[in-house]
Amino acid sequence: MGFLTWIVIAVVVLAAIGLGVGTFLGGVWSGAEKVSENPAVEDATEEAREFFSNATKNSNDLVDEALRK
């Protein structure tokens, strides 16, 4: 791993120790909730869900067609 990665890991570990694990994880959880409530993230999530739904449907159709031959 790169040097920057080790610095980030050290900062996260020190923050968790300094705040306490429960407080640290609570902050991460509330931040994740705020991000997930963002309309741009909701739109991107829905687009990704539709894309993968269509991709899996198309791949299933291709597999079915290949097996029929």
Protein backbone atom coordinates (compact mmCIF):
# COMPACT_ATOMS: atom_id res chain seq x y z
CA MET A 1 0.00 0.00 0.00
CA GLY A 2 1.06 3.52 -0.61
CA PHE A 3 2.30 5.96 1.95
CA LEU A 4 -0.87 8.07 1.74
CA THR A 5 -2.99 5.00 2.47
CA TRP A 6 -1.05 4.34 5.67
CA ILE A 7 -1.49 7.95 6.75
CA VAL A 8 -5.26 7.75 6.20
CA ILE A 9 -5.47 4.48 8.15
CA ALA A 10 -3.49 6.01 11.02
CA VAL A 11 -5.74 9.07 11.11
CA VAL A 12 -8.89 6.94 11.17
CA VAL A 13 -7.53 4.71 13.93
CA LEU A 14 -6.46 7.70 16.02
CA ALA A 15 -9.85 9.36 15.51
CA ALA A 16 -11.64 6.19 16.61
CA ILE A 17 -9.43 5.93 19.71
CA GLY A 18 -9.77 9.63 20.55
CA LEU A 19 -13.53 9.85 20.12
CA GLY A 20 -14.33 6.38 21.31
CA VAL A 21 -15.43 3.68 18.94
CA GLY A 22 -19.15 4.17 19.61
CA THR A 23 -19.04 7.90 18.97
CA PHE A 24 -16.84 7.45 15.92
CA LEU A 25 -19.12 4.83 14.35
CA GLY A 26 -22.19 6.90 15.25
CA GLY A 27 -20.72 9.85 13.40
CA VAL A 28 -19.90 7.72 10.39
CA TRP A 29 -23.44 6.31 10.44
CA SER A 30 -25.11 9.73 10.62
CA GLY A 31 -22.85 11.00 7.83
CA ALA A 32 -23.79 8.04 5.65
CA GLU A 33 -27.48 8.72 6.29
CA LYS A 34 -27.05 12.36 5.22
CA VAL A 35 -25.27 11.29 2.04
CA SER A 36 -27.93 8.69 1.22
CA GLU A 37 -30.69 11.30 1.57
CA ASN A 38 -29.04 13.51 -1.06
CA PRO A 39 -31.25 13.67 -4.20
CA ALA A 40 -28.23 13.25 -6.49
CA VAL A 41 -27.23 10.05 -4.69
CA GLU A 42 -30.81 8.77 -4.79
CA ASP A 43 -30.98 9.43 -8.55
CA ALA A 44 -27.64 7.72 -9.16
CA THR A 45 -28.74 4.75 -7.05
CA GLU A 46 -31.96 4.39 -9.03
CA GLU A 47 -30.12 4.66 -12.37
CA ALA A 48 -27.62 2.02 -11.26
CA ARG A 49 -30.44 -0.24 -10.09
CA GLU A 50 -32.20 0.07 -13.48
CA PHE A 51 -28.96 -0.44 -15.40
CA PHE A 52 -28.04 -3.64 -13.55
CA SER A 53 -31.61 -4.90 -13.70
CA ASN A 54 -31.60 -4.46 -17.48
CA ALA A 55 -28.10 -5.93 -17.77
CA THR A 56 -29.03 -9.06 -15.87
CA LYS A 57 -32.28 -9.41 -17.83
CA ASN A 58 -30.39 -9.08 -21.12
CA SER A 59 -27.74 -11.57 -20.01
CA ASN A 60 -30.44 -14.05 -18.95
CA ASP A 61 -32.07 -13.66 -22.37
CA LEU A 62 -28.72 -14.27 -24.08
CA VAL A 63 -28.07 -17.38 -22.00
CA ASP A 64 -31.55 -18.73 -22.69
CA GLU A 65 -31.11 -18.09 -26.41
CA ALA A 66 -27.69 -19.75 -26.44
CA LEU A 67 -29.04 -22.82 -24.63
CA ARG A 68 -31.87 -23.19 -27.14
CA LYS A 69 -29.39 -23.51 -30.04
